[in-house]
Amino acid sequence: MATAAAGALGLLWGWLWSERFWLPQNVSWADFEGPGDGYGYPRARHILSVFPVAAGIFSVRLLFERFIAKPCALHVGIQDSGPYPNAILEKVFLSITKYPDEKRLEGLSKQLDWDVRKIQCWFRHRRNQDKPPTLTKFCESMWRFTFYLCIFCYGIKFLWSSPWFWDIRQCWHSYPFQPLTSGLYYYYIMELAFYWSLMFSQFIDIKRKDFLIMFVHHLATIGLITFSYINNMVRVGTLVMCLHDASDFLLEAAKLANYAKYQRLCDTLFVIFSAVFVVTRLGIYPFWILNTTFFESWEIIGPYPSWWLFNGLLLILQVLHVIWSYLIVRIAFKALIRGKVTYPGRIRPRLCTLHSFLISFFFSMPGGS
């Protein structure tokens, strides 16, 4: 029985790493055993180095939020305060009701010798404690903003000296025998490790309504990055990653401004984010990235099984881009329409605060999408 199980496992392993699926015709895994240049060629075992790096990134995040983000939040006036501790009200809140009616409020007022408005205020603040505190959200967004900005700057610096940034057909010349450089290797490992760290942290962070959406998003991102690395489509992969990072740090910056109640800055940043998002996801991505992965790669290297899967995943990503862009435009249009308020004797056009109509929706949008 053990022999049969081992045989079945061997068949499964052989099917999983089938050269017919992963590689173009007349190419085998043995061809990648040579040293090449730089860091050699991408290998599946390289992915294992991601996990200690992800643990390190998570540790850096904890230190960053504690010693950098939190002091910044307190400096801009974000407090980590809750209601006055009161055993009687806490017991009512936990075991009876979170929304006491007028009769119960009057009874509690007599029992505690508190004003009714003070008790209402206590219950309101106590209910807000069950939501993610603004201080915590600010610290998390500041960490993501810092990472996205740093990795975007690194990506631009790396790609600026890369030939495929200026001539995208270089992504396919000599494919799949394109050796890794140290810069490309670190870029991929850091991006992948960051998303693994987000996967880990989701289970210990404050649970949000978009937990499942974020989990699926991170899983899909990890899958796409890992797939492109094993398949050595890392050149076009760096372009995709940098293109998405271009708007992610702007969204996090808008969140920070919203939490700090800098309304005009928040609105301005969100308008910039929306413009960059639409241009990169509906313009550059389909006409530059998808054009080369579908048509130029077909012309230079031809299709094979994993080529179809890779392009299928990129196409699904484009469908999500269209949906998110449509939602941006629709909600922005509604915000502008509702901003026209009629006053007696005249109409005064007023732009509604974007954070109430736009930010509230896109704060639940997956980062790194």
Protein backbone atom coordinates (compact mmCIF):
# COMPACT_ATOMS: atom_id res chain seq x y z
CA MET A 1 0.00 0.00 0.00
CA ALA A 2 2.88 2.32 0.85
CA THR A 3 4.41 1.54 -2.53
CA ALA A 4 1.15 2.41 -4.30
CA ALA A 5 0.89 5.68 -2.38
CA ALA A 6 4.48 6.55 -3.23
CA GLY A 7 3.79 5.75 -6.88
CA ALA A 8 0.69 7.94 -6.92
CA LEU A 9 2.62 10.74 -5.26
CA GLY A 10 5.35 10.37 -7.85
CA LEU A 11 2.82 10.61 -10.68
CA LEU A 12 1.26 13.70 -9.11
CA TRP A 13 4.66 15.31 -8.66
CA GLY A 14 5.61 14.51 -12.24
CA TRP A 15 2.35 15.97 -13.51
CA LEU A 16 2.79 19.10 -11.38
CA TRP A 17 6.26 19.82 -12.79
CA SER A 18 5.61 18.54 -16.28
CA GLU A 19 8.02 20.12 -18.77
CA ARG A 20 5.30 19.93 -21.38
CA PHE A 21 3.16 22.28 -19.33
CA TRP A 22 5.72 24.73 -17.96
CA LEU A 23 8.24 25.10 -20.76
CA PRO A 24 8.29 25.77 -24.51
CA GLN A 25 8.99 22.94 -26.90
CA ASN A 26 12.47 21.39 -26.85
CA VAL A 27 13.26 22.91 -23.43
CA SER A 28 13.71 20.85 -20.26
CA TRP A 29 14.36 21.62 -16.58
CA ALA A 30 17.89 20.29 -17.04
CA ASP A 31 18.63 23.21 -19.35
CA PHE A 32 18.31 25.54 -16.36
CA GLU A 33 20.91 23.75 -14.26
CA GLY A 34 23.69 25.79 -15.84
CA PRO A 35 25.03 28.74 -13.89
CA GLY A 36 24.05 31.39 -16.43
CA ASP A 37 24.95 34.87 -15.23
CA GLY A 38 24.17 36.71 -12.02
CA TYR A 39 21.89 34.51 -9.91
CA GLY A 40 21.45 31.83 -12.54
CA TYR A 41 17.93 31.03 -13.70
CA PRO A 42 14.71 31.19 -11.64
CA ARG A 43 14.05 27.91 -9.86
CA ALA A 44 11.08 26.79 -7.79
CA ARG A 45 13.27 26.25 -4.74
CA HIS A 46 14.09 29.96 -4.67
CA ILE A 47 10.51 30.54 -3.48
CA LEU A 48 11.37 28.93 -0.13
CA SER A 49 13.55 31.93 0.72
CA VAL A 50 10.42 34.08 0.68
CA PHE A 51 9.10 32.76 4.01
CA PRO A 52 11.92 33.93 6.30
CA VAL A 53 11.91 37.25 4.44
CA ALA A 54 8.14 37.52 4.98
CA ALA A 55 8.62 36.87 8.71
CA GLY A 56 11.29 39.57 8.76
CA ILE A 57 9.01 42.04 6.98
CA PHE A 58 6.25 41.32 9.47
CA SER A 59 8.65 41.96 12.37
CA VAL A 60 9.75 45.24 10.78
CA ARG A 61 6.09 46.19 10.38
CA LEU A 62 5.41 45.69 14.10
CA LEU A 63 8.38 47.89 15.02
CA PHE A 64 7.42 50.48 12.39
CA GLU A 65 3.83 50.75 13.60
CA ARG A 66 4.89 50.97 17.25
CA PHE A 67 7.78 53.43 17.04
CA ILE A 68 7.10 55.44 13.87
CA ALA A 69 3.46 55.24 12.75
CA LYS A 70 1.85 55.57 16.18
CA PRO A 71 3.81 58.70 17.17
CA CYS A 72 2.92 60.22 13.78
CA ALA A 73 -0.76 59.44 14.39
CA LEU A 74 -0.68 61.03 17.84
CA HIS A 75 1.11 64.05 16.37
CA VAL A 76 -1.72 64.73 13.90
CA GLY A 77 -4.32 64.39 16.65
CA ILE A 78 -5.51 60.80 16.32
CA GLN A 79 -6.21 59.45 19.80
CA ASP A 80 -6.52 55.90 21.09
CA SER A 81 -9.23 56.69 23.61
CA GLY A 82 -12.33 54.80 24.65
CA PRO A 83 -15.30 55.49 26.98
CA TYR A 84 -14.94 55.89 30.72
CA PRO A 85 -14.72 52.43 32.35
CA ASN A 86 -17.97 51.56 34.10
CA ALA A 87 -18.85 48.06 35.27
CA ILE A 88 -22.63 48.60 35.28
CA LEU A 89 -22.79 50.02 31.75
CA GLU A 90 -20.35 47.41 30.49
CA LYS A 91 -22.58 44.64 31.87
CA VAL A 92 -25.64 46.17 30.17
CA PHE A 93 -23.71 46.54 26.93
CA LEU A 94 -22.47 42.94 26.86
CA SER A 95 -25.46 41.03 28.25
CA ILE A 96 -28.57 43.13 27.55
CA THR A 97 -28.37 45.68 24.73
CA LYS A 98 -25.95 47.86 22.83
CA TYR A 99 -28.74 50.31 22.00
CA PRO A 100 -30.65 51.11 25.23
CA ASP A 101 -34.10 52.65 24.82
CA GLU A 102 -35.30 55.80 26.57
CA LYS A 103 -36.77 53.95 29.54
CA ARG A 104 -33.55 52.04 30.20
CA LEU A 105 -31.48 55.21 29.78
CA GLU A 106 -33.56 56.98 32.43
CA GLY A 107 -33.15 54.02 34.80
CA LEU A 108 -29.38 53.98 34.31
CA SER A 109 -29.28 57.73 34.79
CA LYS A 110 -30.92 57.44 38.21
CA GLN A 111 -28.77 54.45 39.18
CA LEU A 112 -25.47 56.12 38.26
CA ASP A 113 -26.46 59.72 38.83
CA TRP A 114 -25.29 60.48 35.30
CA ASP A 115 -26.90 62.69 32.71
CA VAL A 116 -28.78 60.77 29.98
CA ARG A 117 -26.66 62.40 27.27
CA LYS A 118 -23.50 61.23 29.03
CA ILE A 119 -24.81 57.65 29.06
CA GLN A 120 -25.75 57.86 25.37
CA CYS A 121 -22.25 59.14 24.65
CA TRP A 122 -20.75 56.21 26.60
CA PHE A 123 -22.72 53.64 24.59
CA ARG A 124 -21.81 55.34 21.30
CA HIS A 125 -18.10 55.29 22.12
CA ARG A 126 -18.36 51.72 23.37
CA ARG A 127 -19.98 50.58 20.11
CA ASN A 128 -17.18 52.26 18.19
CA GLN A 129 -14.66 50.20 20.12
CA ASP A 130 -15.94 47.11 18.29
CA LYS A 131 -14.83 48.73 15.03
CA PRO A 132 -11.18 48.99 13.99
CA PRO A 133 -9.80 52.05 15.87
CA THR A 134 -8.70 54.95 13.70
CA LEU A 135 -5.26 54.80 15.31
CA THR A 136 -4.83 51.17 14.27
CA LYS A 137 -6.06 51.83 10.72
CA PHE A 138 -3.72 54.82 10.42
CA CYS A 139 -0.72 52.74 11.51
CA GLU A 140 -1.57 49.92 9.08
CA SER A 141 -2.06 52.33 6.18
CA MET A 142 1.16 54.17 6.98
CA TRP A 143 3.06 50.88 6.85
CA ARG A 144 1.52 49.92 3.50
CA PHE A 145 2.09 53.44 2.14
CA THR A 146 5.76 53.29 3.14
CA PHE A 147 6.31 49.86 1.61
CA TYR A 148 4.41 50.59 -1.62
CA LEU A 149 6.25 53.88 -2.10
CA CYS A 150 9.66 52.33 -1.42
CA ILE A 151 9.08 49.29 -3.65
CA PHE A 152 7.69 51.52 -6.43
CA CYS A 153 10.77 53.76 -6.29
CA TYR A 154 13.01 50.70 -6.30
CA GLY A 155 11.07 49.26 -9.25
CA ILE A 156 11.41 52.46 -11.27
CA LYS A 157 15.12 52.68 -10.49
CA PHE A 158 15.66 49.04 -11.46
CA LEU A 159 13.56 49.16 -14.63
CA TRP A 160 15.09 52.45 -15.78
CA SER A 161 18.34 50.60 -16.52
CA SER A 162 16.60 47.48 -17.89
CA PRO A 163 16.39 47.12 -21.68
CA TRP A 164 12.86 45.67 -21.62
CA PHE A 165 11.53 48.84 -19.99
CA TRP A 166 12.38 50.77 -23.17
CA ASP A 167 11.80 47.95 -25.65
CA ILE A 168 9.19 45.56 -24.26
CA ARG A 169 9.94 42.96 -26.92
CA GLN A 170 13.14 42.32 -24.97
CA CYS A 171 10.93 40.41 -22.51
CA TRP A 172 10.87 37.55 -25.02
CA HIS A 173 14.27 37.66 -26.69
CA SER A 174 16.24 34.50 -25.74
CA TYR A 175 13.30 33.32 -23.62
CA PRO A 176 13.31 31.21 -21.47
CA PHE A 177 17.10 31.44 -21.11
CA GLN A 178 17.12 34.83 -19.43
CA PRO A 179 19.39 34.76 -16.36
CA LEU A 180 18.46 36.53 -13.15
CA THR A 181 20.29 39.60 -11.96
CA SER A 182 20.58 40.41 -8.28
CA GLY A 183 18.28 43.45 -8.67
CA LEU A 184 15.55 41.43 -10.38
CA TYR A 185 15.83 38.62 -7.82
CA TYR A 186 15.50 40.98 -4.83
CA TYR A 187 12.61 42.84 -6.48
CA TYR A 188 10.60 39.64 -6.95
CA ILE A 189 11.43 38.17 -3.55
CA MET A 190 10.53 41.39 -1.69
CA GLU A 191 7.19 41.77 -3.50
CA LEU A 192 6.27 38.15 -2.91
CA ALA A 193 7.41 38.22 0.72
CA PHE A 194 5.35 41.35 1.38
CA TYR A 195 2.14 39.71 0.20
CA TRP A 196 2.91 36.59 2.22
CA SER A 197 3.35 38.84 5.27
CA LEU A 198 -0.08 40.34 4.59
CA MET A 199 -1.51 36.82 4.45
CA PHE A 200 0.00 36.04 7.86
CA SER A 201 -1.06 39.31 9.47
CA GLN A 202 -4.70 39.01 8.37
CA PHE A 203 -5.29 36.33 10.99
CA ILE A 204 -4.02 38.43 13.89
CA ASP A 205 -5.10 41.90 12.75
CA ILE A 206 -8.48 43.35 13.62
CA LYS A 207 -11.07 41.44 11.59
CA ARG A 208 -12.75 43.57 8.93
CA LYS A 209 -15.77 43.04 6.73
CA ASP A 210 -13.55 42.61 3.66
CA PHE A 211 -11.48 39.82 5.24
CA LEU A 212 -12.49 37.20 2.65
CA ILE A 213 -12.02 39.58 -0.29
CA MET A 214 -8.56 40.57 0.93
CA PHE A 215 -7.63 36.94 1.55
CA VAL A 216 -8.59 35.93 -2.00
CA HIS A 217 -6.85 38.98 -3.43
CA HIS A 218 -3.57 38.24 -1.61
CA LEU A 219 -3.79 34.57 -2.59
CA ALA A 220 -4.30 35.44 -6.26
CA THR A 221 -1.43 37.94 -6.19
CA ILE A 222 0.91 35.40 -4.59
CA GLY A 223 -0.13 32.80 -7.16
CA LEU A 224 0.49 35.09 -10.13
CA ILE A 225 3.89 36.30 -8.88
CA THR A 226 5.00 32.75 -8.04
CA PHE A 227 3.79 31.38 -11.36
CA SER A 228 5.61 34.04 -13.39
CA TYR A 229 8.81 33.43 -11.42
CA ILE A 230 8.84 29.66 -11.90
CA ASN A 231 8.00 30.13 -15.58
CA ASN A 232 10.80 32.73 -15.90
CA MET A 233 8.42 35.40 -17.17
CA VAL A 234 10.05 37.71 -14.66
CA ARG A 235 10.80 40.52 -17.09
CA VAL A 236 7.19 41.18 -17.95
CA GLY A 237 6.37 40.37 -14.31
CA THR A 238 8.44 43.33 -13.09
CA LEU A 239 6.49 45.62 -15.43
CA VAL A 240 3.17 44.35 -14.08
CA MET A 241 4.26 44.78 -10.45
CA CYS A 242 5.61 48.30 -10.95
CA LEU A 243 2.50 49.33 -12.87
CA HIS A 244 0.24 48.27 -9.99
CA ASP A 245 2.45 49.83 -7.31
CA ALA A 246 2.13 53.18 -9.10
CA SER A 247 -1.39 53.74 -7.75
CA ASP A 248 -1.36 51.67 -4.55
CA PHE A 249 0.73 54.11 -2.50
CA LEU A 250 -1.56 56.99 -3.58
CA LEU A 251 -4.60 55.17 -2.21
CA GLU A 252 -2.85 54.60 1.11
CA ALA A 253 -1.83 58.27 1.22
CA ALA A 254 -5.47 59.27 0.72
CA LYS A 255 -6.46 56.98 3.58
CA LEU A 256 -3.88 58.60 5.87
CA ALA A 257 -5.20 62.06 5.03
CA ASN A 258 -8.76 60.89 5.69
CA TYR A 259 -7.90 59.41 9.09
CA ALA A 260 -6.09 62.63 10.03
CA LYS A 261 -9.16 64.63 8.87
CA TYR A 262 -7.21 66.60 6.25
CA GLN A 263 -10.21 66.74 3.96
CA ARG A 264 -8.81 68.81 1.09
CA LEU A 265 -5.61 66.79 0.98
CA CYS A 266 -7.65 63.59 1.08
CA ASP A 267 -9.85 64.71 -1.82
CA THR A 268 -6.85 65.82 -3.88
CA LEU A 269 -4.95 62.59 -3.30
CA PHE A 270 -7.99 60.51 -4.18
CA VAL A 271 -8.51 62.41 -7.44
CA ILE A 272 -4.83 61.80 -8.32
CA PHE A 273 -5.16 58.14 -7.35
CA SER A 274 -8.27 57.75 -9.52
CA ALA A 275 -6.55 59.32 -12.53
CA VAL A 276 -3.41 57.19 -12.14
CA PHE A 277 -5.50 54.06 -11.58
CA VAL A 278 -7.57 54.54 -14.73
CA VAL A 279 -4.58 55.49 -16.91
CA THR A 280 -2.40 52.59 -15.74
CA ARG A 281 -5.09 49.89 -15.53
CA LEU A 282 -7.21 50.80 -18.58
CA GLY A 283 -4.52 52.37 -20.75
CA ILE A 284 -0.98 51.18 -20.15
CA TYR A 285 -1.83 47.69 -18.90
CA PRO A 286 -3.95 46.46 -21.85
CA PHE A 287 -2.16 48.33 -24.65
CA TRP A 288 1.38 47.73 -23.41
CA ILE A 289 1.43 44.70 -21.13
CA LEU A 290 -1.33 42.53 -22.62
CA ASN A 291 -0.26 43.44 -26.13
CA THR A 292 3.20 42.01 -25.54
CA THR A 293 2.10 38.93 -23.55
CA PHE A 294 -0.54 37.96 -26.13
CA PHE A 295 0.76 39.08 -29.52
CA GLU A 296 4.48 39.85 -29.38
CA SER A 297 5.26 36.75 -27.32
CA TRP A 298 3.17 34.63 -29.71
CA GLU A 299 5.24 35.98 -32.60
CA ILE A 300 8.62 35.47 -30.88
CA ILE A 301 8.28 32.29 -28.78
CA GLY A 302 4.86 30.86 -29.70
CA PRO A 303 2.20 29.54 -27.30
CA TYR A 304 2.47 26.53 -24.95
CA PRO A 305 0.26 25.34 -22.05
CA SER A 306 1.56 27.55 -19.24
CA TRP A 307 1.61 30.51 -21.69
CA TRP A 308 -2.17 30.17 -22.01
CA LEU A 309 -2.63 29.99 -18.25
CA PHE A 310 -0.41 33.01 -17.62
CA ASN A 311 -2.27 35.11 -20.16
CA GLY A 312 -5.58 33.89 -18.81
CA LEU A 313 -4.65 35.14 -15.33
CA LEU A 314 -3.55 38.50 -16.75
CA LEU A 315 -6.82 38.76 -18.64
CA ILE A 316 -8.83 38.08 -15.47
CA LEU A 317 -6.82 40.84 -13.81
CA GLN A 318 -7.85 43.20 -16.60
CA VAL A 319 -11.52 42.32 -16.05
CA LEU A 320 -11.09 43.37 -12.40
CA HIS A 321 -9.44 46.60 -13.56
CA VAL A 322 -12.48 47.41 -15.69
CA ILE A 323 -14.90 46.68 -12.82
CA TRP A 324 -12.95 48.79 -10.30
CA SER A 325 -12.53 51.67 -12.79
CA TYR A 326 -16.25 51.61 -13.53
CA LEU A 327 -17.03 51.80 -9.83
CA ILE A 328 -14.63 54.73 -9.40
CA VAL A 329 -16.26 56.69 -12.21
CA ARG A 330 -19.81 55.82 -11.13
CA ILE A 331 -19.33 56.78 -7.49
CA ALA A 332 -17.40 59.94 -8.40
CA PHE A 333 -20.21 60.96 -10.76
CA LYS A 334 -22.80 60.41 -8.03
CA ALA A 335 -20.72 62.45 -5.61
CA LEU A 336 -20.57 65.36 -8.03
CA ILE A 337 -24.31 65.18 -8.77
CA ARG A 338 -25.24 65.13 -5.09
CA GLY A 339 -22.91 68.04 -4.51
CA LYS A 340 -25.31 70.43 -6.25
CA VAL A 341 -27.40 71.79 -3.41
CA THR A 342 -30.36 74.09 -4.03
CA TYR A 343 -30.72 77.10 -1.74
CA PRO A 344 -33.72 79.55 -1.64
CA GLY A 345 -33.37 81.99 -4.50
CA ARG A 346 -30.18 80.54 -5.96
CA ILE A 347 -28.23 77.36 -6.71
CA ARG A 348 -24.83 77.08 -5.10
CA PRO A 349 -22.70 74.30 -6.61
CA ARG A 350 -20.82 72.49 -3.87
CA LEU A 351 -18.40 69.62 -4.28
CA CYS A 352 -19.30 67.01 -1.68
CA THR A 353 -16.45 65.63 0.34
CA LEU A 354 -14.97 62.80 -1.68
CA HIS A 355 -14.05 60.84 1.40
CA SER A 356 -17.72 60.35 2.26
CA PHE A 357 -18.65 59.00 -1.18
CA LEU A 358 -15.44 57.68 -2.66
CA ILE A 359 -12.99 56.89 0.10
CA SER A 360 -15.58 54.94 2.08
CA PHE A 361 -15.92 52.53 -0.85
CA PHE A 362 -12.31 52.21 -1.87
CA PHE A 363 -11.01 51.80 1.64
CA SER A 364 -12.39 48.28 1.29
CA MET A 365 -10.71 47.86 -2.09
CA PRO A 366 -7.77 45.39 -2.02
CA GLY A 367 -4.51 47.05 -1.90
CA GLY A 368 -1.98 45.94 -4.66
CA SER A 369 -4.87 45.08 -6.88
